Amino acid sequence: MTNTTAKNKLTCSVKEAAEILNVHTSTVEKLIAAGTIPAGRIGRAYVMRTSDIERYAEKIILDQTAERLTKGHRPMSSRASLRIA
């Protein structure tokens, strides 16, 4: 499943959510059980909104990036910042 397909679908299955997140289906099932990702059952299958899966991925990316930037971050000297630019 490609991102363009994901954006056109309102809902997705556990398998499709796992493909979007690049994780195993059991990881998605654990996230559902923990209440981290909202999902409902229709028959025996879980159904999730594709936008919720994408929002979860975005949150994880932003949170982990912010943590990397602030954890152990030493301010650059003015000379070092000039070399980067």
Protein backbone atom coordinates (compact mmCIF):
# COMPACT_ATOMS: atom_id res chain seq x y z
CA MET A 1 0.00 0.00 0.00
CA THR A 2 1.43 3.36 -0.98
CA ASN A 3 0.95 6.68 0.78
CA THR A 4 -1.26 7.96 -2.03
CA THR A 5 -3.55 4.96 -1.55
CA ALA A 6 -3.58 5.49 2.22
CA LYS A 7 -4.60 9.12 1.84
CA ASN A 8 -7.55 8.19 -0.37
CA LYS A 9 -8.97 5.61 2.07
CA LEU A 10 -11.03 6.68 5.06
CA THR A 11 -10.40 3.47 7.00
CA CYS A 12 -7.74 0.79 7.14
CA SER A 13 -7.24 -2.69 8.53
CA VAL A 14 -4.60 -3.86 10.98
CA LYS A 15 -2.50 -5.07 8.06
CA GLU A 16 -2.81 -1.75 6.22
CA ALA A 17 -2.00 0.21 9.40
CA ALA A 18 1.08 -1.96 9.90
CA GLU A 19 2.16 -1.20 6.33
CA ILE A 20 1.68 2.55 6.85
CA LEU A 21 3.72 2.45 10.08
CA ASN A 22 6.26 -0.09 8.76
CA VAL A 23 5.71 -2.38 11.77
CA HIS A 24 4.41 -5.90 12.34
CA THR A 25 0.65 -6.43 12.65
CA SER A 26 1.12 -7.59 16.25
CA THR A 27 2.58 -4.16 17.08
CA VAL A 28 -0.56 -2.49 15.73
CA GLU A 29 -2.72 -4.91 17.76
CA LYS A 30 -0.74 -4.00 20.92
CA LEU A 31 -1.21 -0.28 20.22
CA ILE A 32 -4.96 -0.89 19.81
CA ALA A 33 -5.15 -2.92 23.04
CA ALA A 34 -3.29 -0.16 24.91
CA GLY A 35 -5.70 2.46 23.55
CA THR A 36 -2.88 4.30 21.81
CA ILE A 37 -4.54 3.96 18.42
CA PRO A 38 -8.35 4.25 18.33
CA ALA A 39 -10.03 1.31 16.62
CA GLY A 40 -13.39 -0.40 16.42
CA ARG A 41 -14.41 -3.93 15.60
CA ILE A 42 -16.63 -4.76 12.70
CA GLY A 43 -17.22 -8.47 12.98
CA ARG A 44 -13.86 -9.97 13.90
CA ALA A 45 -11.73 -7.31 12.23
CA TYR A 46 -10.42 -4.06 13.66
CA VAL A 47 -11.05 -0.93 11.63
CA MET A 48 -9.13 2.30 12.12
CA ARG A 49 -9.31 5.70 10.51
CA THR A 50 -6.33 6.16 8.24
CA SER A 51 -5.98 9.74 9.49
CA ASP A 52 -5.55 8.42 13.07
CA ILE A 53 -2.72 6.13 11.93
CA GLU A 54 -1.01 8.98 10.08
CA ARG A 55 -1.49 11.32 13.07
CA TYR A 56 0.06 8.69 15.37
CA ALA A 57 3.09 8.34 13.07
CA GLU A 58 3.50 12.12 12.90
CA LYS A 59 3.31 12.43 16.70
CA ILE A 60 5.93 9.73 17.24
CA ILE A 61 8.26 11.33 14.69
CA LEU A 62 7.89 14.82 16.18
CA ASP A 63 8.21 13.64 19.80
CA GLN A 64 11.32 11.58 19.13
CA THR A 65 12.92 14.32 17.06
CA ALA A 66 12.30 16.88 19.80
CA GLU A 67 13.75 14.50 22.38
CA ARG A 68 16.90 13.97 20.30
CA LEU A 69 17.32 17.71 19.85
CA THR A 70 16.94 18.53 23.53
CA LYS A 71 18.58 15.51 25.16
CA GLY A 72 22.25 16.18 25.70
CA HIS A 73 22.15 19.03 23.22
CA ARG A 74 25.03 21.40 23.66
CA PRO A 75 24.67 24.89 22.25
CA MET A 76 26.93 25.50 19.27
CA SER A 77 29.58 28.11 19.46
CA SER A 78 29.14 30.99 17.06
CA ARG A 79 32.12 29.72 15.04
CA ALA A 80 30.61 26.25 14.69
CA SER A 81 27.29 27.64 13.51
CA LEU A 82 29.12 29.69 10.85
CA ARG A 83 30.79 26.56 9.47
CA ILE A 84 27.42 24.81 9.08
CA ALA A 85 25.87 27.68 7.11
